[in-house]
Structures are given as structure tokens and as C-alpha cells.
Amino acid sequence: MFKTTKYFALSGSAVIVFMLAIAATSTPANAESFKNISTGFCLDSNTNRRVYTNGCQNGNNFQQWKLSRTTAGGGAIMFKNVSTGFCLDSNTNRHVYTNGCQNGNTFQAWRIIGGGNRYMLKNVATGFCLDSNTNRRVYTNGCQNGNNFQQWLGK
């Protein structure tokens, strides 16, 4: 669970606070899983570089993501999948997938927006937020504050 209640703006110091908050309870090696508020499913990936949501499973490294700062987007972060070693990526067609990590790639850079225990993940390159649906698809869409399909909970 996240242990902070501050609103995270787009500043570099907010990203550091966010990363410290999740590192306090994360496993393995400071990795975190992300559960969609609306569906209850966790952000998941596979070796085919697909990204989707699935039932949350303790110990499933395909659902574990390591966060690190990137040089793209002034304080944005990258999400690296523990099992595959690939980073969360997106494109202008609103597709979400994983790809080889490239520091400075704005399509792999995400801003954390939120407070309490709910977070939106906004892609630096597209300006769209990580979104999901009941069919377990993951994509990006225009950011909407009240849209629970765009709200993620660290666990």
C-alpha cells in the first residue's frame, strides 16, 4: 500500500516522494504491482511484450514493476517489468506494450498524478493516461479525474 497522502504534481521532488513511499513496502527489490481501482485486476505483462490486466497474484513477477527516474519529461519515471526486463511503453495510437528500456524515451516516461492511495499514470509523449476495462485490456486515453478505470492502487 502507498503510505502517502500528498497530491503529486509533475515536479521531480514529488516523484521522489512517490518512489520512497512505494519502496517502503515493495517486493521484490523495490518492485510494485498496480491494481486497477475499477476492475480489481493488476497490471500484467508477458514475454511477447503484451500488457493487460489479470487477477492479482502474490509472487507473480510479471505483475511486478520497478520504478526509476528517466531523463525524459523532467521528473518522469519508467516502469520496468521484473520478469521480462522490458519497460512500459505507449504510442500515439493509444496502444500500451513493453519494449527495451531507453532512458530519455518520452513514450516510456510516465508522470504520477494523484493522492491518497489512487494514482493516474500519464504518458509524457502522448499526454494520455493509462486506462483499462473489464475485458482486461490496457491502453491510454484522455485523462479524466473521476474515471476509476484510470485509477491505480499500489500494492
C-alpha atoms as a PDB file:
ATOM      1  CA  MET A   1       0.000   0.000   0.000  1.00  0.00           C
ATOM      2  CA  PHE A   2       1.139   3.546  -0.622  1.00  0.00           C
ATOM      3  CA  LYS A   3       1.943   5.430   2.555  1.00  0.00           C
ATOM      4  CA  THR A   4       1.481   8.985   1.406  1.00  0.00           C
ATOM      5  CA  THR A   5      -1.486  11.312   1.094  1.00  0.00           C
ATOM      6  CA  LYS A   6       0.059  14.192  -0.819  1.00  0.00           C
ATOM      7  CA  TYR A   7      -1.060  15.261  -4.267  1.00  0.00           C
ATOM      8  CA  PHE A   8       1.701  14.506  -6.728  1.00  0.00           C
ATOM      9  CA  ALA A   9       2.260  17.274  -9.206  1.00  0.00           C
ATOM     10  CA  LEU A  10       4.666  16.995 -12.083  1.00  0.00           C
ATOM     11  CA  SER A  11       7.726  18.051 -10.096  1.00  0.00           C
ATOM     12  CA  GLY A  12      10.812  15.933  -9.618  1.00  0.00           C
ATOM     13  CA  SER A  13      10.528  16.088  -5.830  1.00  0.00           C
ATOM     14  CA  ALA A  14       7.016  14.600  -5.984  1.00  0.00           C
ATOM     15  CA  VAL A  15       8.330  11.651  -7.977  1.00  0.00           C
ATOM     16  CA  ILE A  16      10.991  11.047  -5.343  1.00  0.00           C
ATOM     17  CA  VAL A  17       8.360  11.133  -2.572  1.00  0.00           C
ATOM     18  CA  PHE A  18       6.197   8.699  -4.560  1.00  0.00           C
ATOM     19  CA  MET A  19       9.101   6.320  -5.163  1.00  0.00           C
ATOM     20  CA  LEU A  20      10.104   6.411  -1.484  1.00  0.00           C
ATOM     21  CA  ALA A  21       6.515   5.720  -0.427  1.00  0.00           C
ATOM     22  CA  ILE A  22       6.233   2.595  -2.555  1.00  0.00           C
ATOM     23  CA  ALA A  23       9.735   1.402  -1.771  1.00  0.00           C
ATOM     24  CA  ALA A  24       8.809   1.163   1.893  1.00  0.00           C
ATOM     25  CA  THR A  25       6.568  -1.857   1.260  1.00  0.00           C
ATOM     26  CA  SER A  26       7.627  -3.200  -2.130  1.00  0.00           C
ATOM     27  CA  THR A  27       8.899  -6.621  -3.172  1.00  0.00           C
ATOM     28  CA  PRO A  28      10.989  -7.947  -4.839  1.00  0.00           C
ATOM     29  CA  ALA A  29      13.867  -5.479  -4.749  1.00  0.00           C
ATOM     30  CA  ASN A  30      11.631  -2.416  -4.507  1.00  0.00           C
ATOM     31  CA  ALA A  31       9.180  -3.557  -7.180  1.00  0.00           C
ATOM     32  CA  GLU A  32       5.493  -2.733  -7.021  1.00  0.00           C
ATOM     33  CA  SER A  33       2.300  -4.123  -8.511  1.00  0.00           C
ATOM     34  CA  PHE A  34      -0.508  -1.842  -9.689  1.00  0.00           C
ATOM     35  CA  LYS A  35      -4.154  -2.747  -9.174  1.00  0.00           C
ATOM     36  CA  ASN A  36      -6.872  -1.060 -11.231  1.00  0.00           C
ATOM     37  CA  ILE A  37      -9.431   0.554  -8.921  1.00  0.00           C
ATOM     38  CA  SER A  38     -12.417  -0.229 -11.137  1.00  0.00           C
ATOM     39  CA  THR A  39     -11.671  -3.815 -12.218  1.00  0.00           C
ATOM     40  CA  GLY A  40      -9.617  -5.064  -9.279  1.00  0.00           C
ATOM     41  CA  PHE A  41      -7.117  -6.594 -11.735  1.00  0.00           C
ATOM     42  CA  CYS A  42      -3.351  -5.968 -11.678  1.00  0.00           C
ATOM     43  CA  LEU A  43      -1.166  -4.565 -14.441  1.00  0.00           C
ATOM     44  CA  ASP A  44       0.465  -7.599 -16.069  1.00  0.00           C
ATOM     45  CA  SER A  45       2.783  -8.400 -18.967  1.00  0.00           C
ATOM     46  CA  ASN A  46       4.344 -11.349 -20.777  1.00  0.00           C
ATOM     47  CA  THR A  47       7.411 -12.252 -22.847  1.00  0.00           C
ATOM     48  CA  ASN A  48       5.515 -11.298 -26.037  1.00  0.00           C
ATOM     49  CA  ARG A  49       5.613  -7.677 -24.791  1.00  0.00           C
ATOM     50  CA  ARG A  50       1.863  -7.523 -24.285  1.00  0.00           C
ATOM     51  CA  VAL A  51       0.385  -5.511 -21.422  1.00  0.00           C
ATOM     52  CA  TYR A  52      -3.010  -6.330 -19.923  1.00  0.00           C
ATOM     53  CA  THR A  53      -4.608  -6.769 -16.513  1.00  0.00           C
ATOM     54  CA  ASN A  54      -5.114 -10.061 -14.731  1.00  0.00           C
ATOM     55  CA  GLY A  55      -6.115 -11.343 -11.318  1.00  0.00           C
ATOM     56  CA  CYS A  56      -3.564 -10.154  -8.771  1.00  0.00           C
ATOM     57  CA  GLN A  57      -1.167 -12.934  -7.725  1.00  0.00           C
ATOM     58  CA  ASN A  58       1.408 -12.638  -4.952  1.00  0.00           C
ATOM     59  CA  GLY A  59       4.826 -13.652  -6.230  1.00  0.00           C
ATOM     60  CA  ASN A  60       3.948 -13.173  -9.917  1.00  0.00           C
ATOM     61  CA  ASN A  61       6.927 -11.211 -11.256  1.00  0.00           C
ATOM     62  CA  PHE A  62       5.041 -10.433 -14.490  1.00  0.00           C
ATOM     63  CA  GLN A  63       2.893  -8.178 -12.274  1.00  0.00           C
ATOM     64  CA  GLN A  64       5.877  -6.535 -10.557  1.00  0.00           C
ATOM     65  CA  TRP A  65       7.303  -3.258 -11.853  1.00  0.00           C
ATOM     66  CA  LYS A  66      10.492  -1.457 -10.803  1.00  0.00           C
ATOM     67  CA  LEU A  67      10.304   2.317 -10.949  1.00  0.00           C
ATOM     68  CA  SER A  68      13.240   4.507 -11.913  1.00  0.00           C
ATOM     69  CA  ARG A  69      13.708   8.121 -12.910  1.00  0.00           C
ATOM     70  CA  THR A  70      14.197   8.913 -16.563  1.00  0.00           C
ATOM     71  CA  THR A  71      15.875  11.867 -18.243  1.00  0.00           C
ATOM     72  CA  ALA A  72      12.718  12.373 -20.322  1.00  0.00           C
ATOM     73  CA  GLY A  73       9.991  14.681 -19.158  1.00  0.00           C
ATOM     74  CA  GLY A  74      11.586  16.421 -16.178  1.00  0.00           C
ATOM     75  CA  GLY A  75      10.999  14.116 -13.240  1.00  0.00           C
ATOM     76  CA  ALA A  76       9.031  11.397 -15.004  1.00  0.00           C
ATOM     77  CA  ILE A  77       9.582   7.731 -14.227  1.00  0.00           C
ATOM     78  CA  MET A  78       9.924   4.463 -16.126  1.00  0.00           C
ATOM     79  CA  PHE A  79       8.185   1.189 -15.208  1.00  0.00           C
ATOM     80  CA  LYS A  80      10.417  -1.851 -15.798  1.00  0.00           C
ATOM     81  CA  ASN A  81       8.784  -5.281 -15.617  1.00  0.00           C
ATOM     82  CA  VAL A  82      10.641  -7.537 -13.164  1.00  0.00           C
ATOM     83  CA  SER A  83      10.122 -10.733 -15.155  1.00  0.00           C
ATOM     84  CA  THR A  84      10.772  -9.527 -18.712  1.00  0.00           C
ATOM     85  CA  GLY A  85      13.129  -6.611 -18.113  1.00  0.00           C
ATOM     86  CA  PHE A  86      11.110  -4.536 -20.619  1.00  0.00           C
ATOM     87  CA  CYS A  87       9.644  -1.104 -19.896  1.00  0.00           C
ATOM     88  CA  LEU A  88       6.053   0.085 -20.106  1.00  0.00           C
ATOM     89  CA  ASP A  89       5.690   1.849 -23.460  1.00  0.00           C
ATOM     90  CA  SER A  90       2.957   3.543 -25.479  1.00  0.00           C
ATOM     91  CA  ASN A  91       2.362   5.232 -28.825  1.00  0.00           C
ATOM     92  CA  THR A  92       0.134   7.868 -30.411  1.00  0.00           C
ATOM     93  CA  ASN A  93      -2.394   5.154 -31.364  1.00  0.00           C
ATOM     94  CA  ARG A  94      -3.029   4.667 -27.612  1.00  0.00           C
ATOM     95  CA  HIS A  95      -1.530   1.177 -27.576  1.00  0.00           C
ATOM     96  CA  VAL A  96       0.348   0.034 -24.460  1.00  0.00           C
ATOM     97  CA  TYR A  97       3.041  -2.646 -24.563  1.00  0.00           C
ATOM     98  CA  THR A  98       6.550  -3.254 -23.240  1.00  0.00           C
ATOM     99  CA  ASN A  99       9.787  -2.640 -25.086  1.00  0.00           C
ATOM    100  CA  GLY A 100      13.506  -2.488 -24.415  1.00  0.00           C
ATOM    101  CA  CYS A 101      14.131   0.263 -21.867  1.00  0.00           C
ATOM    102  CA  GLN A 102      15.521   3.501 -23.306  1.00  0.00           C
ATOM    103  CA  ASN A 103      16.288   6.260 -20.836  1.00  0.00           C
ATOM    104  CA  GLY A 104      15.101   9.508 -22.390  1.00  0.00           C
ATOM    105  CA  ASN A 105      12.347   7.896 -24.492  1.00  0.00           C
ATOM    106  CA  THR A 106       9.275  10.016 -23.743  1.00  0.00           C
ATOM    107  CA  PHE A 107       6.937   7.177 -24.794  1.00  0.00           C
ATOM    108  CA  GLN A 108       8.355   5.174 -21.851  1.00  0.00           C
ATOM    109  CA  ALA A 109       8.167   8.116 -19.442  1.00  0.00           C
ATOM    110  CA  TRP A 110       5.171   8.428 -17.127  1.00  0.00           C
ATOM    111  CA  ARG A 111       4.062  11.101 -14.666  1.00  0.00           C
ATOM    112  CA  ILE A 112       2.412  10.085 -11.418  1.00  0.00           C
ATOM    113  CA  ILE A 113      -0.737  12.101 -10.727  1.00  0.00           C
ATOM    114  CA  GLY A 114      -2.813  11.517  -7.639  1.00  0.00           C
ATOM    115  CA  GLY A 115      -3.048  11.451  -3.921  1.00  0.00           C
ATOM    116  CA  GLY A 116      -4.073   9.231  -1.073  1.00  0.00           C
ATOM    117  CA  ASN A 117      -3.900   5.724  -2.435  1.00  0.00           C
ATOM    118  CA  ARG A 118      -5.111   6.396  -6.005  1.00  0.00           C
ATOM    119  CA  TYR A 119      -2.830   7.295  -8.879  1.00  0.00           C
ATOM    120  CA  MET A 120      -3.136   8.114 -12.551  1.00  0.00           C
ATOM    121  CA  LEU A 121      -0.190   7.375 -14.841  1.00  0.00           C
ATOM    122  CA  LYS A 122       0.152   9.995 -17.595  1.00  0.00           C
ATOM    123  CA  ASN A 123       2.403   9.298 -20.576  1.00  0.00           C
ATOM    124  CA  VAL A 124       4.841  12.148 -21.257  1.00  0.00           C
ATOM    125  CA  ALA A 125       4.877  11.772 -25.064  1.00  0.00           C
ATOM    126  CA  THR A 126       1.146  11.422 -25.682  1.00  0.00           C
ATOM    127  CA  GLY A 127      -0.385  13.182 -22.694  1.00  0.00           C
ATOM    128  CA  PHE A 128      -2.805  10.243 -22.302  1.00  0.00           C
ATOM    129  CA  CYS A 129      -3.389   8.271 -19.104  1.00  0.00           C
ATOM    130  CA  LEU A 130      -3.071   4.533 -18.561  1.00  0.00           C
ATOM    131  CA  ASP A 131      -6.567   3.068 -18.835  1.00  0.00           C
ATOM    132  CA  SER A 132      -8.173  -0.366 -18.625  1.00  0.00           C
ATOM    133  CA  ASN A 133     -11.532  -2.094 -18.997  1.00  0.00           C
ATOM    134  CA  THR A 134     -13.434  -5.157 -17.776  1.00  0.00           C
ATOM    135  CA  ASN A 135     -12.072  -7.152 -20.752  1.00  0.00           C
ATOM    136  CA  ARG A 136      -8.604  -6.788 -19.173  1.00  0.00           C
ATOM    137  CA  ARG A 137      -7.310  -4.586 -21.978  1.00  0.00           C
ATOM    138  CA  VAL A 138      -4.798  -1.835 -21.196  1.00  0.00           C
ATOM    139  CA  TYR A 139      -4.442   1.264 -23.374  1.00  0.00           C
ATOM    140  CA  THR A 140      -4.141   5.031 -22.963  1.00  0.00           C
ATOM    141  CA  ASN A 141      -6.936   7.555 -23.174  1.00  0.00           C
ATOM    142  CA  GLY A 142      -7.606  11.203 -22.397  1.00  0.00           C
ATOM    143  CA  CYS A 143      -7.089  11.750 -18.675  1.00  0.00           C
ATOM    144  CA  GLN A 144     -10.314  12.017 -16.680  1.00  0.00           C
ATOM    145  CA  ASN A 145     -10.162  12.657 -12.920  1.00  0.00           C
ATOM    146  CA  GLY A 146     -13.091  10.547 -11.669  1.00  0.00           C
ATOM    147  CA  ASN A 147     -12.603   7.712 -14.163  1.00  0.00           C
ATOM    148  CA  ASN A 148     -11.838   4.703 -11.949  1.00  0.00           C
ATOM    149  CA  PHE A 149     -10.592   2.737 -14.980  1.00  0.00           C
ATOM    150  CA  GLN A 150      -7.660   5.205 -14.997  1.00  0.00           C
ATOM    151  CA  GLN A 151      -7.031   4.929 -11.258  1.00  0.00           C
ATOM    152  CA  TRP A 152      -4.332   2.560  -9.986  1.00  0.00           C
ATOM    153  CA  LEU A 153      -3.513   1.406  -6.489  1.00  0.00           C
ATOM    154  CA  GLY A 154      -0.026   0.292  -5.490  1.00  0.00           C
ATOM    155  CA  LYS A 155       0.079  -2.974  -3.589  1.00  0.00           C
END
